[in-house]
Amino acid sequence: MMATSEKDIGPGEARTRQRRRRMFAYYGVSGIVGASLGFGLAMVEQGEGNFIRGDLASLSLDPLAAVIVAIGFAIGLFAIPLWGYTQIDEHQLKQNLIGMAGGCMAVIAGYPIWAVLAMGGFLPLPSAIGVFLLAFATMALTFGVLKLRG
């Protein structure tokens, strides 16, 4: 029988609900930080290049804007994920760390492979966004496989 009120639930279900609320808050804050960074960067970048395509040589930023965006990236891509590790159980932590290791190994092995294939004319030269996407996609794929396997 399902509990219908807060008084009728046990401590395990209350903890699960609390964890779920925290997870949705984490995703919401992460989305807001990411959207703010993307929008803010689009507003302050100057020049003909494109940050996403990696045309950084033809872009410039005001020094204060560069510092603010760099701090935002440090918060969004480093601090928030690290805090997220403290909010999950041991099984999820293990899956996340294996996923992160998969992304790291993809970059360590993928960049030299990509560079050699580019030298041979098979691929374009590696770019920063390409290496980031390689790491991110491999991390997500590794994590997804682990989730499906249980």
N, C-alpha and C. Protein backbone atom coordinates (compact mmCIF):
# COMPACT_ATOMS: atom_id res chain seq x y z
N MET A 1 0.85 -1.17 0.00
CA MET A 1 0.00 0.00 0.00
C MET A 1 0.90 1.24 0.00
N MET A 2 0.57 2.20 -0.83
CA MET A 2 1.35 3.42 -0.91
C MET A 2 0.90 4.40 0.17
N ALA A 3 1.88 5.10 0.70
CA ALA A 3 1.58 6.13 1.69
C ALA A 3 0.95 7.33 0.99
N THR A 4 -0.01 7.93 1.67
CA THR A 4 -0.72 9.05 1.05
C THR A 4 -0.35 10.40 1.65
N SER A 5 0.26 10.41 2.81
CA SER A 5 0.64 11.69 3.40
C SER A 5 2.05 11.58 3.96
N GLU A 6 2.62 12.72 4.28
CA GLU A 6 3.98 12.75 4.82
C GLU A 6 4.08 11.98 6.14
N LYS A 7 3.00 11.92 6.90
CA LYS A 7 3.03 11.23 8.19
C LYS A 7 3.07 9.72 8.01
N ASP A 8 2.53 9.22 6.89
CA ASP A 8 2.42 7.78 6.68
C ASP A 8 3.65 7.15 6.05
N ILE A 9 4.63 7.94 5.65
CA ILE A 9 5.78 7.35 4.97
C ILE A 9 6.87 7.00 5.96
N GLY A 10 7.66 6.01 5.60
CA GLY A 10 8.76 5.59 6.44
C GLY A 10 10.01 6.42 6.17
N PRO A 11 11.05 6.19 6.96
CA PRO A 11 12.27 6.98 6.80
C PRO A 11 12.97 6.73 5.46
N GLY A 12 12.88 5.52 4.94
CA GLY A 12 13.51 5.23 3.65
C GLY A 12 12.85 5.98 2.51
N GLU A 13 11.52 5.99 2.52
CA GLU A 13 10.80 6.71 1.47
C GLU A 13 10.99 8.22 1.60
N ALA A 14 11.04 8.70 2.84
CA ALA A 14 11.27 10.14 3.05
C ALA A 14 12.65 10.53 2.53
N ARG A 15 13.64 9.69 2.78
CA ARG A 15 15.01 9.96 2.29
C ARG A 15 15.05 9.92 0.77
N THR A 16 14.34 8.97 0.17
CA THR A 16 14.29 8.89 -1.29
C THR A 16 13.65 10.13 -1.88
N ARG A 17 12.57 10.59 -1.29
CA ARG A 17 11.91 11.81 -1.78
C ARG A 17 12.83 13.02 -1.64
N GLN A 18 13.52 13.10 -0.51
CA GLN A 18 14.44 14.21 -0.29
C GLN A 18 15.57 14.17 -1.34
N ARG A 19 16.11 12.98 -1.59
CA ARG A 19 17.18 12.83 -2.58
C ARG A 19 16.67 13.21 -3.97
N ARG A 20 15.44 12.82 -4.30
CA ARG A 20 14.87 13.15 -5.61
C ARG A 20 14.69 14.66 -5.76
N ARG A 21 14.19 15.31 -4.71
CA ARG A 21 14.04 16.78 -4.75
C ARG A 21 15.39 17.45 -4.93
N ARG A 22 16.39 16.97 -4.22
CA ARG A 22 17.73 17.53 -4.33
C ARG A 22 18.29 17.31 -5.73
N MET A 23 18.02 16.15 -6.32
CA MET A 23 18.50 15.86 -7.67
C MET A 23 17.88 16.82 -8.67
N PHE A 24 16.57 17.06 -8.56
CA PHE A 24 15.92 17.99 -9.49
C PHE A 24 16.43 19.41 -9.29
N ALA A 25 16.69 19.79 -8.05
CA ALA A 25 17.27 21.12 -7.78
C ALA A 25 18.66 21.21 -8.39
N TYR A 26 19.45 20.14 -8.27
CA TYR A 26 20.79 20.09 -8.85
C TYR A 26 20.72 20.26 -10.37
N TYR A 27 19.81 19.52 -11.01
CA TYR A 27 19.66 19.64 -12.46
C TYR A 27 19.19 21.04 -12.85
N GLY A 28 18.28 21.60 -12.08
CA GLY A 28 17.80 22.94 -12.37
C GLY A 28 18.90 23.98 -12.26
N VAL A 29 19.67 23.93 -11.17
CA VAL A 29 20.77 24.88 -10.99
C VAL A 29 21.82 24.68 -12.08
N SER A 30 22.13 23.43 -12.41
CA SER A 30 23.10 23.16 -13.47
C SER A 30 22.62 23.72 -14.80
N GLY A 31 21.35 23.54 -15.12
CA GLY A 31 20.80 24.07 -16.36
C GLY A 31 20.83 25.58 -16.40
N ILE A 32 20.51 26.21 -15.27
CA ILE A 32 20.53 27.67 -15.21
C ILE A 32 21.96 28.19 -15.37
N VAL A 33 22.93 27.55 -14.70
CA VAL A 33 24.33 27.97 -14.83
C VAL A 33 24.79 27.80 -16.28
N GLY A 34 24.49 26.65 -16.89
CA GLY A 34 24.89 26.42 -18.28
C GLY A 34 24.25 27.39 -19.25
N ALA A 35 22.96 27.62 -19.10
CA ALA A 35 22.27 28.55 -19.98
C ALA A 35 22.79 29.97 -19.79
N SER A 36 23.05 30.35 -18.55
CA SER A 36 23.58 31.68 -18.27
C SER A 36 24.96 31.86 -18.89
N LEU A 37 25.80 30.83 -18.78
CA LEU A 37 27.13 30.91 -19.39
C LEU A 37 27.04 31.03 -20.90
N GLY A 38 26.22 30.20 -21.51
CA GLY A 38 26.07 30.26 -22.97
C GLY A 38 25.53 31.59 -23.44
N PHE A 39 24.49 32.06 -22.79
CA PHE A 39 23.89 33.34 -23.17
C PHE A 39 24.87 34.48 -22.91
N GLY A 40 25.50 34.46 -21.74
CA GLY A 40 26.45 35.52 -21.40
C GLY A 40 27.63 35.56 -22.35
N LEU A 41 28.15 34.39 -22.69
CA LEU A 41 29.28 34.34 -23.62
C LEU A 41 28.87 34.84 -24.99
N ALA A 42 27.69 34.47 -25.43
CA ALA A 42 27.20 34.94 -26.73
C ALA A 42 27.06 36.46 -26.75
N MET A 43 26.71 37.04 -25.61
CA MET A 43 26.52 38.49 -25.54
C MET A 43 27.83 39.26 -25.50
N VAL A 44 28.88 38.68 -24.91
CA VAL A 44 30.11 39.45 -24.71
C VAL A 44 31.22 39.13 -25.70
N GLU A 45 31.13 38.00 -26.42
CA GLU A 45 32.22 37.69 -27.35
C GLU A 45 32.21 38.68 -28.50
N GLN A 46 33.40 39.11 -28.89
CA GLN A 46 33.55 40.10 -29.95
C GLN A 46 34.40 39.48 -31.04
N GLY A 47 34.11 39.80 -32.28
CA GLY A 47 34.90 39.30 -33.40
C GLY A 47 34.06 38.42 -34.30
N GLU A 48 34.70 37.89 -35.30
CA GLU A 48 34.02 37.10 -36.32
C GLU A 48 34.02 35.60 -36.02
N GLY A 49 34.78 35.17 -35.05
CA GLY A 49 34.90 33.74 -34.77
C GLY A 49 33.69 33.19 -34.03
N ASN A 50 33.80 31.92 -33.68
CA ASN A 50 32.72 31.23 -32.98
C ASN A 50 33.35 30.38 -31.88
N PHE A 51 32.92 30.57 -30.65
CA PHE A 51 33.47 29.82 -29.52
C PHE A 51 33.21 28.33 -29.67
N ILE A 52 32.03 27.96 -30.12
CA ILE A 52 31.66 26.55 -30.24
C ILE A 52 32.49 25.85 -31.31
N ARG A 53 32.71 26.51 -32.44
CA ARG A 53 33.51 25.91 -33.51
C ARG A 53 35.00 25.94 -33.21
N GLY A 54 35.41 26.68 -32.19
CA GLY A 54 36.82 26.73 -31.83
C GLY A 54 37.59 27.80 -32.56
N ASP A 55 36.92 28.78 -33.15
CA ASP A 55 37.60 29.88 -33.85
C ASP A 55 38.03 30.93 -32.83
N LEU A 56 38.84 30.54 -31.88
CA LEU A 56 39.19 31.43 -30.78
C LEU A 56 40.15 32.53 -31.19
N ALA A 57 40.96 32.30 -32.23
CA ALA A 57 41.94 33.29 -32.64
C ALA A 57 41.28 34.58 -33.10
N SER A 58 40.10 34.50 -33.65
CA SER A 58 39.43 35.70 -34.15
C SER A 58 38.39 36.25 -33.17
N LEU A 59 38.41 35.77 -31.94
CA LEU A 59 37.50 36.26 -30.90
C LEU A 59 38.27 37.04 -29.85
N SER A 60 37.59 37.93 -29.19
CA SER A 60 38.19 38.63 -28.06
C SER A 60 37.11 38.89 -27.02
N LEU A 61 37.55 39.03 -25.79
CA LEU A 61 36.65 39.34 -24.68
C LEU A 61 37.25 40.48 -23.86
N ASP A 62 36.40 41.26 -23.28
CA ASP A 62 36.83 42.24 -22.30
C ASP A 62 37.48 41.46 -21.15
N PRO A 63 38.60 41.93 -20.59
CA PRO A 63 39.28 41.17 -19.53
C PRO A 63 38.38 40.81 -18.35
N LEU A 64 37.55 41.75 -17.90
CA LEU A 64 36.65 41.46 -16.79
C LEU A 64 35.63 40.38 -17.18
N ALA A 65 35.10 40.47 -18.39
CA ALA A 65 34.15 39.45 -18.87
C ALA A 65 34.83 38.09 -18.95
N ALA A 66 36.09 38.06 -19.40
CA ALA A 66 36.82 36.80 -19.50
C ALA A 66 36.97 36.15 -18.12
N VAL A 67 37.29 36.95 -17.11
CA VAL A 67 37.44 36.42 -15.76
C VAL A 67 36.11 35.91 -15.23
N ILE A 68 35.05 36.66 -15.45
CA ILE A 68 33.72 36.25 -14.97
C ILE A 68 33.28 34.95 -15.65
N VAL A 69 33.46 34.86 -16.97
CA VAL A 69 33.06 33.65 -17.70
C VAL A 69 33.93 32.47 -17.26
N ALA A 70 35.24 32.68 -17.05
CA ALA A 70 36.11 31.61 -16.59
C ALA A 70 35.68 31.09 -15.22
N ILE A 71 35.32 32.00 -14.33
CA ILE A 71 34.82 31.58 -13.01
C ILE A 71 33.51 30.81 -13.17
N GLY A 72 32.65 31.26 -14.06
CA GLY A 72 31.41 30.54 -14.32
C GLY A 72 31.65 29.13 -14.84
N PHE A 73 32.62 28.98 -15.77
CA PHE A 73 32.96 27.65 -16.26
C PHE A 73 33.53 26.78 -15.14
N ALA A 74 34.37 27.36 -14.27
CA ALA A 74 34.92 26.59 -13.15
C ALA A 74 33.81 26.11 -12.23
N ILE A 75 32.84 26.97 -11.98
CA ILE A 75 31.70 26.58 -11.13
C ILE A 75 30.85 25.53 -11.83
N GLY A 76 30.51 25.78 -13.09
CA GLY A 76 29.60 24.89 -13.81
C GLY A 76 30.19 23.55 -14.21
N LEU A 77 31.48 23.52 -14.52
CA LEU A 77 32.08 22.28 -15.01
C LEU A 77 32.97 21.59 -13.98
N PHE A 78 33.20 22.22 -12.85
CA PHE A 78 34.06 21.61 -11.83
C PHE A 78 33.37 21.55 -10.47
N ALA A 79 32.98 22.70 -9.93
CA ALA A 79 32.45 22.74 -8.57
C ALA A 79 31.09 22.05 -8.43
N ILE A 80 30.17 22.34 -9.33
CA ILE A 80 28.83 21.73 -9.23
C ILE A 80 28.90 20.21 -9.40
N PRO A 81 29.64 19.67 -10.40
CA PRO A 81 29.74 18.21 -10.47
C PRO A 81 30.42 17.59 -9.25
N LEU A 82 31.45 18.23 -8.72
CA LEU A 82 32.08 17.69 -7.51
C LEU A 82 31.11 17.67 -6.34
N TRP A 83 30.33 18.74 -6.18
CA TRP A 83 29.33 18.76 -5.12
C TRP A 83 28.31 17.65 -5.36
N GLY A 84 27.96 17.41 -6.62
CA GLY A 84 27.01 16.35 -6.94
C GLY A 84 27.47 14.98 -6.48
N TYR A 85 28.79 14.74 -6.51
CA TYR A 85 29.31 13.46 -6.04
C TYR A 85 29.05 13.25 -4.56
N THR A 86 28.95 14.32 -3.80
CA THR A 86 28.71 14.18 -2.37
C THR A 86 27.24 13.89 -2.06
N GLN A 87 26.38 14.00 -3.06
CA GLN A 87 24.94 13.87 -2.84
C GLN A 87 24.39 12.52 -3.31
N ILE A 88 25.23 11.62 -3.77
CA ILE A 88 24.74 10.35 -4.30
C ILE A 88 25.28 9.19 -3.47
N ASP A 89 24.64 8.03 -3.61
CA ASP A 89 25.08 6.87 -2.85
C ASP A 89 26.31 6.23 -3.50
N GLU A 90 26.85 5.22 -2.84
CA GLU A 90 28.11 4.62 -3.27
C GLU A 90 28.00 3.96 -4.64
N HIS A 91 26.87 3.33 -4.93
CA HIS A 91 26.69 2.66 -6.22
C HIS A 91 26.67 3.68 -7.36
N GLN A 92 25.92 4.76 -7.18
CA GLN A 92 25.88 5.81 -8.21
C GLN A 92 27.24 6.48 -8.34
N LEU A 93 27.93 6.67 -7.23
CA LEU A 93 29.26 7.28 -7.26
C LEU A 93 30.21 6.43 -8.08
N LYS A 94 30.16 5.12 -7.87
CA LYS A 94 31.03 4.22 -8.63
C LYS A 94 30.71 4.31 -10.12
N GLN A 95 29.43 4.30 -10.48
CA GLN A 95 29.05 4.41 -11.89
C GLN A 95 29.52 5.74 -12.49
N ASN A 96 29.35 6.83 -11.75
CA ASN A 96 29.77 8.13 -12.25
C ASN A 96 31.28 8.21 -12.43
N LEU A 97 32.03 7.65 -11.47
CA LEU A 97 33.49 7.69 -11.59
C LEU A 97 33.98 6.83 -12.76
N ILE A 98 33.34 5.70 -13.00
CA ILE A 98 33.70 4.88 -14.16
C ILE A 98 33.38 5.63 -15.45
N GLY A 99 32.23 6.31 -15.48
CA GLY A 99 31.89 7.13 -16.65
C GLY A 99 32.90 8.23 -16.89
N MET A 100 33.33 8.91 -15.82
CA MET A 100 34.34 9.96 -15.95
C MET A 100 35.66 9.37 -16.43
N ALA A 101 36.02 8.21 -15.92
CA ALA A 101 37.26 7.56 -16.36
C ALA A 101 37.17 7.21 -17.84
N GLY A 102 35.99 6.78 -18.30
CA GLY A 102 35.82 6.50 -19.73
C GLY A 102 36.03 7.74 -20.57
N GLY A 103 35.51 8.88 -20.13
CA GLY A 103 35.72 10.13 -20.85
C GLY A 103 37.17 10.54 -20.87
N CYS A 104 37.85 10.36 -19.74
CA CYS A 104 39.28 10.70 -19.65
C CYS A 104 40.10 9.81 -20.58
N MET A 105 39.81 8.51 -20.58
CA MET A 105 40.54 7.59 -21.46
C MET A 105 40.27 7.89 -22.92
N ALA A 106 39.06 8.33 -23.24
CA ALA A 106 38.75 8.69 -24.63
C ALA A 106 39.61 9.85 -25.10
N VAL A 107 39.85 10.82 -24.23
CA VAL A 107 40.70 11.95 -24.61
C VAL A 107 42.16 11.53 -24.69
N ILE A 108 42.62 10.77 -23.69
CA ILE A 108 44.02 10.36 -23.67
C ILE A 108 44.35 9.51 -24.89
N ALA A 109 43.46 8.61 -25.28
CA ALA A 109 43.70 7.77 -26.46
C ALA A 109 43.19 8.42 -27.74
N GLY A 110 42.07 9.13 -27.64
CA GLY A 110 41.43 9.66 -28.84
C GLY A 110 42.17 10.80 -29.50
N TYR A 111 42.78 11.69 -28.71
CA TYR A 111 43.46 12.84 -29.32
C TYR A 111 44.62 12.40 -30.20
N PRO A 112 45.54 11.54 -29.72
CA PRO A 112 46.63 11.14 -30.62
C PRO A 112 46.15 10.36 -31.84
N ILE A 113 45.12 9.53 -31.65
CA ILE A 113 44.57 8.79 -32.80
C ILE A 113 43.99 9.77 -33.81
N TRP A 114 43.23 10.73 -33.33
CA TRP A 114 42.63 11.75 -34.19
C TRP A 114 43.72 12.56 -34.90
N ALA A 115 44.76 12.95 -34.17
CA ALA A 115 45.84 13.75 -34.76
C ALA A 115 46.56 12.99 -35.86
N VAL A 116 46.85 11.71 -35.64
CA VAL A 116 47.54 10.90 -36.65
C VAL A 116 46.65 10.71 -37.88
N LEU A 117 45.36 10.45 -37.67
CA LEU A 117 44.45 10.31 -38.81
C LEU A 117 44.30 11.63 -39.56
N ALA A 118 44.38 12.76 -38.85
CA ALA A 118 44.34 14.07 -39.51
C ALA A 118 45.60 14.28 -40.35
N MET A 119 46.74 13.85 -39.84
CA MET A 119 47.98 13.96 -40.61
C MET A 119 47.91 13.13 -41.88
N GLY A 120 47.21 12.02 -41.81
CA GLY A 120 47.05 11.17 -42.99
C GLY A 120 45.95 11.63 -43.92
N GLY A 121 45.24 12.69 -43.57
CA GLY A 121 44.21 13.23 -44.43
C GLY A 121 42.84 12.60 -44.27
N PHE A 122 42.66 11.76 -43.26
CA PHE A 122 41.37 11.09 -43.07
C PHE A 122 40.37 11.94 -42.30
N LEU A 123 40.85 12.80 -41.43
CA LEU A 123 39.99 13.62 -40.57
C LEU A 123 40.50 15.06 -40.57
N PRO A 124 39.65 16.01 -40.20
CA PRO A 124 40.15 17.37 -40.00
C PRO A 124 41.03 17.42 -38.75
N LEU A 125 41.80 18.48 -38.60
CA LEU A 125 42.65 18.61 -37.42
C LEU A 125 41.80 18.64 -36.15
N PRO A 126 42.31 18.09 -35.06
CA PRO A 126 41.56 18.12 -33.80
C PRO A 126 41.30 19.55 -33.35
N SER A 127 40.14 19.75 -32.76
CA SER A 127 39.80 21.06 -32.22
C SER A 127 39.44 20.90 -30.74
N ALA A 128 39.46 22.00 -30.04
CA ALA A 128 39.14 21.96 -28.61
C ALA A 128 37.72 21.47 -28.38
N ILE A 129 36.78 21.97 -29.17
CA ILE A 129 35.38 21.55 -28.99
C ILE A 129 35.22 20.08 -29.38
N GLY A 130 35.97 19.62 -30.37
CA GLY A 130 35.91 18.22 -30.76
C GLY A 130 36.40 17.30 -29.66
N VAL A 131 37.50 17.69 -29.02
CA VAL A 131 38.03 16.89 -27.92
C VAL A 131 37.06 16.90 -26.74
N PHE A 132 36.47 18.06 -26.46
CA PHE A 132 35.47 18.15 -25.39
C PHE A 132 34.28 17.23 -25.69
N LEU A 133 33.78 17.29 -26.93
CA LEU A 133 32.64 16.45 -27.30
C LEU A 133 32.99 14.97 -27.27
N LEU A 134 34.22 14.63 -27.66
CA LEU A 134 34.68 13.25 -27.58
C LEU A 134 34.63 12.77 -26.13
N ALA A 135 35.16 13.56 -25.22
CA ALA A 135 35.15 13.19 -23.80
C ALA A 135 33.73 13.10 -23.27
N PHE A 136 32.92 14.10 -23.59
CA PHE A 136 31.55 14.15 -23.05
C PHE A 136 30.71 12.99 -23.59
N ALA A 137 30.79 12.74 -24.90
CA ALA A 137 30.00 11.66 -25.49
C ALA A 137 30.43 10.30 -24.95
N THR A 138 31.74 10.08 -24.82
CA THR A 138 32.22 8.80 -24.30
C THR A 138 31.82 8.63 -22.84
N MET A 139 31.90 9.71 -22.08
CA MET A 139 31.49 9.65 -20.68
C MET A 139 30.01 9.30 -20.58
N ALA A 140 29.18 9.96 -21.37
CA ALA A 140 27.74 9.69 -21.34
C ALA A 140 27.44 8.26 -21.80
N LEU A 141 28.12 7.80 -22.84
CA LEU A 141 27.92 6.44 -23.34
C LEU A 141 28.33 5.41 -22.29
N THR A 142 29.49 5.61 -21.68
CA THR A 142 29.96 4.69 -20.64
C THR A 142 28.98 4.65 -19.47
N PHE A 143 28.54 5.82 -19.03
CA PHE A 143 27.59 5.89 -17.92
C PHE A 143 26.28 5.23 -18.31
N GLY A 144 25.81 5.45 -19.53
CA GLY A 144 24.56 4.84 -20.00
C GLY A 144 24.64 3.33 -20.02
N VAL A 145 25.76 2.80 -20.50
CA VAL A 145 25.94 1.34 -20.52
C VAL A 145 25.93 0.79 -19.10
N LEU A 146 26.61 1.48 -18.19
CA LEU A 146 26.61 1.03 -16.79
C LEU A 146 25.21 1.05 -16.19
N LYS A 147 24.44 2.08 -16.50
CA LYS A 147 23.07 2.17 -15.98
C LYS A 147 22.21 1.03 -16.53
N LEU A 148 22.37 0.72 -17.81
CA LEU A 148 21.58 -0.36 -18.41
C LEU A 148 21.97 -1.73 -17.84
N ARG A 149 23.25 -1.89 -17.53
CA ARG A 149 23.71 -3.16 -16.97
C ARG A 149 23.30 -3.32 -15.51
N GLY A 150 23.00 -2.22 -14.86
CA GLY A 150 22.56 -2.28 -13.46
C GLY A 150 23.70 -2.14 -12.57
